[in-house]
């Protein structure tokens, strides 16, 4: 199980997280907010990723959006 490289940006109205997860399908990625922790997991064949990211600010429940393109997962969560 690998830990993806991540970048976290605390912006004015949202928190953006970018995770490098090459070789997986978007349908295999699971993202969940647990309090102030963002849990990212993906399992596709022999590729397995998992990481818990401490969020820099409180976020609103149910405002998470994500997109996956060219091996990069982009997550946006409103504050």
PDB file of N, CA and C in Angstrom:
ATOM      1  N   UNK A   1       0.843  -1.188   0.000  1.00  0.00           N
ATOM      2  CA  UNK A   1       0.000   0.000   0.000  1.00  0.00           C
ATOM      3  C   UNK A   1       0.884   1.245   0.000  1.00  0.00           C
ATOM      4  N   UNK A   2       0.700   2.076  -0.986  1.00  0.00           N
ATOM      5  CA  UNK A   2       1.520   3.286  -1.129  1.00  0.00           C
ATOM      6  C   UNK A   2       0.796   4.497  -0.556  1.00  0.00           C
ATOM      7  N   UNK A   3       1.583   5.500  -0.176  1.00  0.00           N
ATOM      8  CA  UNK A   3       1.019   6.761   0.279  1.00  0.00           C
ATOM      9  C   UNK A   3       1.188   7.764  -0.853  1.00  0.00           C
ATOM     10  N   UNK A   4       0.077   8.275  -1.409  1.00  0.00           N
ATOM     11  CA  UNK A   4       0.202   9.200  -2.534  1.00  0.00           C
ATOM     12  C   UNK A   4       0.817  10.533  -2.107  1.00  0.00           C
ATOM     13  N   UNK A   5       1.560  11.151  -3.012  1.00  0.00           N
ATOM     14  CA  UNK A   5       2.076  12.499  -2.775  1.00  0.00           C
ATOM     15  C   UNK A   5       0.873  13.438  -2.787  1.00  0.00           C
ATOM     16  N   UNK A   6       0.790  14.315  -1.793  1.00  0.00           N
ATOM     17  CA  UNK A   6      -0.354  15.225  -1.720  1.00  0.00           C
ATOM     18  C   UNK A   6       0.102  16.658  -1.491  1.00  0.00           C
ATOM     19  N   UNK A   7      -0.690  17.578  -2.000  1.00  0.00           N
ATOM     20  CA  UNK A   7      -0.522  19.015  -1.750  1.00  0.00           C
ATOM     21  C   UNK A   7      -1.851  19.518  -1.221  1.00  0.00           C
ATOM     22  N   UNK A   8      -1.804  20.334  -0.164  1.00  0.00           N
ATOM     23  CA  UNK A   8      -3.008  20.896   0.440  1.00  0.00           C
ATOM     24  C   UNK A   8      -2.927  22.411   0.363  1.00  0.00           C
ATOM     25  N   UNK A   9      -3.998  23.035  -0.148  1.00  0.00           N
ATOM     26  CA  UNK A   9      -4.061  24.483  -0.271  1.00  0.00           C
ATOM     27  C   UNK A   9      -5.263  25.002   0.505  1.00  0.00           C
ATOM     28  N   UNK A  10      -5.013  25.878   1.472  1.00  0.00           N
ATOM     29  CA  UNK A  10      -6.059  26.491   2.278  1.00  0.00           C
ATOM     30  C   UNK A  10      -6.408  27.825   1.628  1.00  0.00           C
ATOM     31  N   UNK A  11      -7.496  27.845   0.854  1.00  0.00           N
ATOM     32  CA  UNK A  11      -7.886  29.059   0.142  1.00  0.00           C
ATOM     33  C   UNK A  11      -9.006  29.767   0.896  1.00  0.00           C
ATOM     34  N   UNK A  12      -9.427  30.902   0.389  1.00  0.00           N
ATOM     35  CA  UNK A  12     -10.393  31.740   1.093  1.00  0.00           C
ATOM     36  C   UNK A  12     -11.703  31.015   1.412  1.00  0.00           C
ATOM     37  N   UNK A  13     -12.289  30.346   0.422  1.00  0.00           N
ATOM     38  CA  UNK A  13     -13.599  29.732   0.617  1.00  0.00           C
ATOM     39  C   UNK A  13     -13.583  28.210   0.594  1.00  0.00           C
ATOM     40  N   UNK A  14     -12.456  27.603   0.251  1.00  0.00           N
ATOM     41  CA  UNK A  14     -12.404  26.146   0.187  1.00  0.00           C
ATOM     42  C   UNK A  14     -10.988  25.638   0.448  1.00  0.00           C
ATOM     43  N   UNK A  15     -10.921  24.343   0.725  1.00  0.00           N
ATOM     44  CA  UNK A  15      -9.639  23.658   0.864  1.00  0.00           C
ATOM     45  C   UNK A  15      -9.485  22.789  -0.377  1.00  0.00           C
ATOM     46  N   UNK A  16      -8.325  22.881  -1.041  1.00  0.00           N
ATOM     47  CA  UNK A  16      -8.047  22.056  -2.222  1.00  0.00           C
ATOM     48  C   UNK A  16      -6.949  21.069  -1.874  1.00  0.00           C
ATOM     49  N   UNK A  17      -7.162  19.831  -2.272  1.00  0.00           N
ATOM     50  CA  UNK A  17      -6.163  18.786  -2.055  1.00  0.00           C
ATOM     51  C   UNK A  17      -5.899  18.114  -3.400  1.00  0.00           C
ATOM     52  N   UNK A  18      -4.622  17.951  -3.726  1.00  0.00           N
ATOM     53  CA  UNK A  18      -4.221  17.240  -4.936  1.00  0.00           C
ATOM     54  C   UNK A  18      -3.425  16.014  -4.514  1.00  0.00           C
ATOM     55  N   UNK A  19      -3.784  14.853  -5.060  1.00  0.00           N
ATOM     56  CA  UNK A  19      -3.085  13.609  -4.736  1.00  0.00           C
ATOM     57  C   UNK A  19      -2.678  12.910  -6.023  1.00  0.00           C
ATOM     58  N   UNK A  20      -1.411  12.486  -6.086  1.00  0.00           N
ATOM     59  CA  UNK A  20      -0.910  11.751  -7.254  1.00  0.00           C
ATOM     60  C   UNK A  20      -1.195  10.272  -7.048  1.00  0.00           C
ATOM     61  N   UNK A  21      -2.068   9.724  -7.887  1.00  0.00           N
ATOM     62  CA  UNK A  21      -2.469   8.317  -7.771  1.00  0.00           C
ATOM     63  C   UNK A  21      -2.544   7.673  -9.152  1.00  0.00           C
ATOM     64  N   UNK A  22      -1.413   7.511  -9.825  1.00  0.00           N
ATOM     65  CA  UNK A  22      -1.447   6.934 -11.172  1.00  0.00           C
ATOM     66  C   UNK A  22      -1.801   5.443 -11.159  1.00  0.00           C
ATOM     67  N   UNK A  23      -2.453   5.018 -12.229  1.00  0.00           N
ATOM     68  CA  UNK A  23      -2.708   3.589 -12.409  1.00  0.00           C
ATOM     69  C   UNK A  23      -3.971   3.057 -11.773  1.00  0.00           C
ATOM     70  N   UNK A  24      -4.847   3.941 -11.293  1.00  0.00           N
ATOM     71  CA  UNK A  24      -6.114   3.465 -10.737  1.00  0.00           C
ATOM     72  C   UNK A  24      -7.269   4.059 -11.537  1.00  0.00           C
ATOM     73  N   UNK A  25      -8.425   3.447 -11.415  1.00  0.00           N
ATOM     74  CA  UNK A  25      -9.624   3.960 -12.063  1.00  0.00           C
ATOM     75  C   UNK A  25     -10.355   4.890 -11.106  1.00  0.00           C
ATOM     76  N   UNK A  26     -11.010   5.914 -11.640  1.00  0.00           N
ATOM     77  CA  UNK A  26     -11.726   6.870 -10.804  1.00  0.00           C
ATOM     78  C   UNK A  26     -12.779   6.170  -9.942  1.00  0.00           C
ATOM     79  N   UNK A  27     -13.399   5.123 -10.471  1.00  0.00           N
ATOM     80  CA  UNK A  27     -14.426   4.395  -9.724  1.00  0.00           C
ATOM     81  C   UNK A  27     -13.857   3.662  -8.507  1.00  0.00           C
ATOM     82  N   UNK A  28     -12.547   3.414  -8.488  1.00  0.00           N
ATOM     83  CA  UNK A  28     -11.913   2.693  -7.373  1.00  0.00           C
ATOM     84  C   UNK A  28     -11.441   3.615  -6.255  1.00  0.00           C
ATOM     85  N   UNK A  29     -11.622   4.920  -6.410  1.00  0.00           N
ATOM     86  CA  UNK A  29     -11.144   5.882  -5.418  1.00  0.00           C
ATOM     87  C   UNK A  29     -12.256   6.189  -4.418  1.00  0.00           C
ATOM     88  N   UNK A  30     -11.913   6.112  -3.137  1.00  0.00           N
ATOM     89  CA  UNK A  30     -12.861   6.443  -2.075  1.00  0.00           C
ATOM     90  C   UNK A  30     -12.296   7.598  -1.261  1.00  0.00           C
ATOM     91  N   UNK A  31     -13.113   8.643  -1.086  1.00  0.00           N
ATOM     92  CA  UNK A  31     -12.705   9.831  -0.343  1.00  0.00           C
ATOM     93  C   UNK A  31     -13.756  10.093   0.725  1.00  0.00           C
ATOM     94  N   UNK A  32     -13.312  10.311   1.959  1.00  0.00           N
ATOM     95  CA  UNK A  32     -14.246  10.511   3.059  1.00  0.00           C
ATOM     96  C   UNK A  32     -13.662  11.506   4.062  1.00  0.00           C
ATOM     97  N   UNK A  33     -14.518  12.390   4.566  1.00  0.00           N
ATOM     98  CA  UNK A  33     -14.100  13.338   5.602  1.00  0.00           C
ATOM     99  C   UNK A  33     -14.579  12.799   6.941  1.00  0.00           C
ATOM    100  N   UNK A  34     -13.641  12.694   7.892  1.00  0.00           N
ATOM    101  CA  UNK A  34     -13.955  12.241   9.253  1.00  0.00           C
ATOM    102  C   UNK A  34     -13.472  13.335  10.211  1.00  0.00           C
ATOM    103  N   UNK A  35     -14.346  14.271  10.535  1.00  0.00           N
ATOM    104  CA  UNK A  35     -13.950  15.387  11.392  1.00  0.00           C
ATOM    105  C   UNK A  35     -12.976  16.288  10.666  1.00  0.00           C
ATOM    106  N   UNK A  36     -11.738  16.383  11.163  1.00  0.00           N
ATOM    107  CA  UNK A  36     -10.727  17.223  10.513  1.00  0.00           C
ATOM    108  C   UNK A  36      -9.713  16.397   9.723  1.00  0.00           C
ATOM    109  N   UNK A  37     -10.079  15.143   9.424  1.00  0.00           N
ATOM    110  CA  UNK A  37      -9.211  14.243   8.647  1.00  0.00           C
ATOM    111  C   UNK A  37      -9.889  13.885   7.322  1.00  0.00           C
ATOM    112  N   UNK A  38      -9.126  13.983   6.240  1.00  0.00           N
ATOM    113  CA  UNK A  38      -9.591  13.526   4.928  1.00  0.00           C
ATOM    114  C   UNK A  38      -8.938  12.180   4.666  1.00  0.00           C
ATOM    115  N   UNK A  39      -9.741  11.162   4.441  1.00  0.00           N
ATOM    116  CA  UNK A  39      -9.247   9.812   4.194  1.00  0.00           C
ATOM    117  C   UNK A  39      -9.348   9.518   2.699  1.00  0.00           C
ATOM    118  N   UNK A  40      -8.215   9.228   2.061  1.00  0.00           N
ATOM    119  CA  UNK A  40      -8.155   8.930   0.631  1.00  0.00           C
ATOM    120  C   UNK A  40      -7.680   7.490   0.475  1.00  0.00           C
ATOM    121  N   UNK A  41      -8.422   6.690  -0.283  1.00  0.00           N
ATOM    122  CA  UNK A  41      -8.031   5.301  -0.525  1.00  0.00           C
ATOM    123  C   UNK A  41      -8.383   4.916  -1.956  1.00  0.00           C
ATOM    124  N   UNK A  42      -7.556   4.057  -2.540  1.00  0.00           N
ATOM    125  CA  UNK A  42      -7.823   3.537  -3.883  1.00  0.00           C
ATOM    126  C   UNK A  42      -7.208   2.152  -3.990  1.00  0.00           C
ATOM    127  N   UNK A  43      -7.942   1.275  -4.657  1.00  0.00           N
ATOM    128  CA  UNK A  43      -7.461  -0.083  -4.853  1.00  0.00           C
ATOM    129  C   UNK A  43      -7.863  -0.509  -6.258  1.00  0.00           C
ATOM    130  N   UNK A  44      -6.865  -0.774  -7.083  1.00  0.00           N
ATOM    131  CA  UNK A  44      -7.128  -1.178  -8.461  1.00  0.00           C
ATOM    132  C   UNK A  44      -6.057  -2.175  -8.871  1.00  0.00           C
ATOM    133  N   UNK A  45      -6.432  -3.444  -8.921  1.00  0.00           N
ATOM    134  CA  UNK A  45      -5.458  -4.475  -9.264  1.00  0.00           C
ATOM    135  C   UNK A  45      -4.357  -4.532  -8.227  1.00  0.00           C
ATOM    136  N   UNK A  46      -3.099  -4.395  -8.668  1.00  0.00           N
ATOM    137  CA  UNK A  46      -1.975  -4.434  -7.722  1.00  0.00           C
ATOM    138  C   UNK A  46      -1.612  -3.042  -7.190  1.00  0.00           C
ATOM    139  N   UNK A  47      -2.323  -2.002  -7.613  1.00  0.00           N
ATOM    140  CA  UNK A  47      -2.069  -0.638  -7.123  1.00  0.00           C
ATOM    141  C   UNK A  47      -2.983  -0.355  -5.932  1.00  0.00           C
ATOM    142  N   UNK A  48      -2.362  -0.006  -4.812  1.00  0.00           N
ATOM    143  CA  UNK A  48      -3.129   0.321  -3.610  1.00  0.00           C
ATOM    144  C   UNK A  48      -2.562   1.598  -3.012  1.00  0.00           C
ATOM    145  N   UNK A  49      -3.452   2.544  -2.737  1.00  0.00           N
ATOM    146  CA  UNK A  49      -3.046   3.816  -2.141  1.00  0.00           C
ATOM    147  C   UNK A  49      -3.901   4.081  -0.908  1.00  0.00           C
ATOM    148  N   UNK A  50      -3.305   4.714   0.095  1.00  0.00           N
ATOM    149  CA  UNK A  50      -4.056   5.155   1.263  1.00  0.00           C
ATOM    150  C   UNK A  50      -3.313   6.284   1.948  1.00  0.00           C
ATOM    151  N   UNK A  51      -4.077   7.314   2.332  1.00  0.00           N
ATOM    152  CA  UNK A  51      -3.472   8.428   3.071  1.00  0.00           C
ATOM    153  C   UNK A  51      -4.552   9.150   3.854  1.00  0.00           C
ATOM    154  N   UNK A  52      -4.184   9.560   5.065  1.00  0.00           N
ATOM    155  CA  UNK A  52      -5.042  10.418   5.869  1.00  0.00           C
ATOM    156  C   UNK A  52      -4.390  11.795   5.892  1.00  0.00           C
ATOM    157  N   UNK A  53      -5.174  12.820   5.531  1.00  0.00           N
ATOM    158  CA  UNK A  53      -4.671  14.181   5.446  1.00  0.00           C
ATOM    159  C   UNK A  53      -5.365  15.027   6.504  1.00  0.00           C
ATOM    160  N   UNK A  54      -4.576  15.723   7.328  1.00  0.00           N
ATOM    161  CA  UNK A  54      -5.134  16.631   8.320  1.00  0.00           C
ATOM    162  C   UNK A  54      -5.554  17.904   7.602  1.00  0.00           C
ATOM    163  N   UNK A  55      -6.837  18.258   7.706  1.00  0.00           N
ATOM    164  CA  UNK A  55      -7.340  19.453   7.036  1.00  0.00           C
ATOM    165  C   UNK A  55      -6.928  20.704   7.813  1.00  0.00           C
ATOM    166  N   UNK A  56      -6.519  21.758   7.099  1.00  0.00           N
ATOM    167  CA  UNK A  56      -6.007  22.957   7.768  1.00  0.00           C
ATOM    168  C   UNK A  56      -7.091  23.853   8.373  1.00  0.00           C
ATOM    169  N   UNK A  57      -8.363  23.605   8.042  1.00  0.00           N
ATOM    170  CA  UNK A  57      -9.457  24.442   8.536  1.00  0.00           C
ATOM    171  C   UNK A  57     -10.727  23.595   8.627  1.00  0.00           C
ATOM    172  N   UNK A  58     -11.682  24.009   9.456  1.00  0.00           N
ATOM    173  CA  UNK A  58     -12.961  23.283   9.506  1.00  0.00           C
ATOM    174  C   UNK A  58     -13.670  23.370   8.153  1.00  0.00           C
ATOM    175  N   UNK A  59     -14.310  22.287   7.739  1.00  0.00           N
ATOM    176  CA  UNK A  59     -15.011  22.252   6.454  1.00  0.00           C
ATOM    177  C   UNK A  59     -16.475  21.894   6.672  1.00  0.00           C
ATOM    178  N   UNK A  60     -17.304  22.239   5.685  1.00  0.00           N
ATOM    179  CA  UNK A  60     -18.738  21.951   5.747  1.00  0.00           C
ATOM    180  C   UNK A  60     -18.992  20.528   5.274  1.00  0.00           C
ATOM    181  N   UNK A  61     -19.800  19.807   6.026  1.00  0.00           N
ATOM    182  CA  UNK A  61     -20.155  18.433   5.643  1.00  0.00           C
ATOM    183  C   UNK A  61     -20.955  18.455   4.348  1.00  0.00           C
ATOM    184  N   UNK A  62     -20.696  17.468   3.492  1.00  0.00           N
ATOM    185  CA  UNK A  62     -21.459  17.331   2.257  1.00  0.00           C
ATOM    186  C   UNK A  62     -21.053  18.271   1.139  1.00  0.00           C
ATOM    187  N   UNK A  63     -19.924  18.975   1.260  1.00  0.00           N
ATOM    188  CA  UNK A  63     -19.516  19.916   0.211  1.00  0.00           C
ATOM    189  C   UNK A  63     -18.301  19.423  -0.563  1.00  0.00           C
ATOM    190  N   UNK A  64     -17.934  18.172  -0.407  1.00  0.00           N
ATOM    191  CA  UNK A  64     -16.756  17.618  -1.073  1.00  0.00           C
ATOM    192  C   UNK A  64     -17.071  17.321  -2.536  1.00  0.00           C
ATOM    193  N   UNK A  65     -16.202  17.807  -3.417  1.00  0.00           N
ATOM    194  CA  UNK A  65     -16.269  17.428  -4.830  1.00  0.00           C
ATOM    195  C   UNK A  65     -14.882  16.967  -5.246  1.00  0.00           C
ATOM    196  N   UNK A  66     -14.838  16.031  -6.187  1.00  0.00           N
ATOM    197  CA  UNK A  66     -13.537  15.536  -6.633  1.00  0.00           C
ATOM    198  C   UNK A  66     -13.564  15.244  -8.126  1.00  0.00           C
ATOM    199  N   UNK A  67     -12.372  15.294  -8.720  1.00  0.00           N
ATOM    200  CA  UNK A  67     -12.214  14.899 -10.114  1.00  0.00           C
ATOM    201  C   UNK A  67     -10.863  14.205 -10.247  1.00  0.00           C
ATOM    202  N   UNK A  68     -10.771  13.304 -11.217  1.00  0.00           N
ATOM    203  CA  UNK A  68      -9.555  12.512 -11.415  1.00  0.00           C
ATOM    204  C   UNK A  68      -9.178  12.578 -12.884  1.00  0.00           C
ATOM    205  N   UNK A  69      -7.966  13.046 -13.156  1.00  0.00           N
ATOM    206  CA  UNK A  69      -7.519  13.171 -14.546  1.00  0.00           C
ATOM    207  C   UNK A  69      -6.009  12.986 -14.601  1.00  0.00           C
ATOM    208  N   UNK A  70      -5.548  12.147 -15.524  1.00  0.00           N
ATOM    209  CA  UNK A  70      -4.115  11.913 -15.748  1.00  0.00           C
ATOM    210  C   UNK A  70      -3.366  11.533 -14.468  1.00  0.00           C
ATOM    211  N   UNK A  71      -3.988  10.710 -13.636  1.00  0.00           N
ATOM    212  CA  UNK A  71      -3.329  10.233 -12.432  1.00  0.00           C
ATOM    213  C   UNK A  71      -3.350  11.195 -11.252  1.00  0.00           C
ATOM    214  N   UNK A  72      -4.007  12.343 -11.404  1.00  0.00           N
ATOM    215  CA  UNK A  72      -4.078  13.337 -10.333  1.00  0.00           C
ATOM    216  C   UNK A  72      -5.526  13.446  -9.846  1.00  0.00           C
ATOM    217  N   UNK A  73      -5.710  13.245  -8.549  1.00  0.00           N
ATOM    218  CA  UNK A  73      -7.016  13.415  -7.923  1.00  0.00           C
ATOM    219  C   UNK A  73      -7.083  14.816  -7.337  1.00  0.00           C
ATOM    220  N   UNK A  74      -8.107  15.574  -7.735  1.00  0.00           N
ATOM    221  CA  UNK A  74      -8.312  16.919  -7.186  1.00  0.00           C
ATOM    222  C   UNK A  74      -9.562  16.890  -6.322  1.00  0.00           C
ATOM    223  N   UNK A  75      -9.426  17.349  -5.080  1.00  0.00           N
ATOM    224  CA  UNK A  75     -10.537  17.363  -4.136  1.00  0.00           C
ATOM    225  C   UNK A  75     -10.749  18.800  -3.676  1.00  0.00           C
ATOM    226  N   UNK A  76     -12.006  19.220  -3.645  1.00  0.00           N
ATOM    227  CA  UNK A  76     -12.364  20.551  -3.155  1.00  0.00           C
ATOM    228  C   UNK A  76     -13.420  20.383  -2.074  1.00  0.00           C
ATOM    229  N   UNK A  77     -13.201  21.076  -0.944  1.00  0.00           N
ATOM    230  CA  UNK A  77     -14.157  21.017   0.162  1.00  0.00           C
ATOM    231  C   UNK A  77     -14.398  22.449   0.635  1.00  0.00           C
ATOM    232  N   UNK A  78     -15.668  22.862   0.681  1.00  0.00           N
ATOM    233  CA  UNK A  78     -16.000  24.218   1.124  1.00  0.00           C
ATOM    234  C   UNK A  78     -15.830  24.360   2.616  1.00  0.00           C
ATOM    235  N   UNK A  79     -15.386  25.553   3.021  1.00  0.00           N
ATOM    236  CA  UNK A  79     -15.213  25.846   4.452  1.00  0.00           C
ATOM    237  C   UNK A  79     -16.547  26.266   5.055  1.00  0.00           C
TER     238      UNK A  79
END
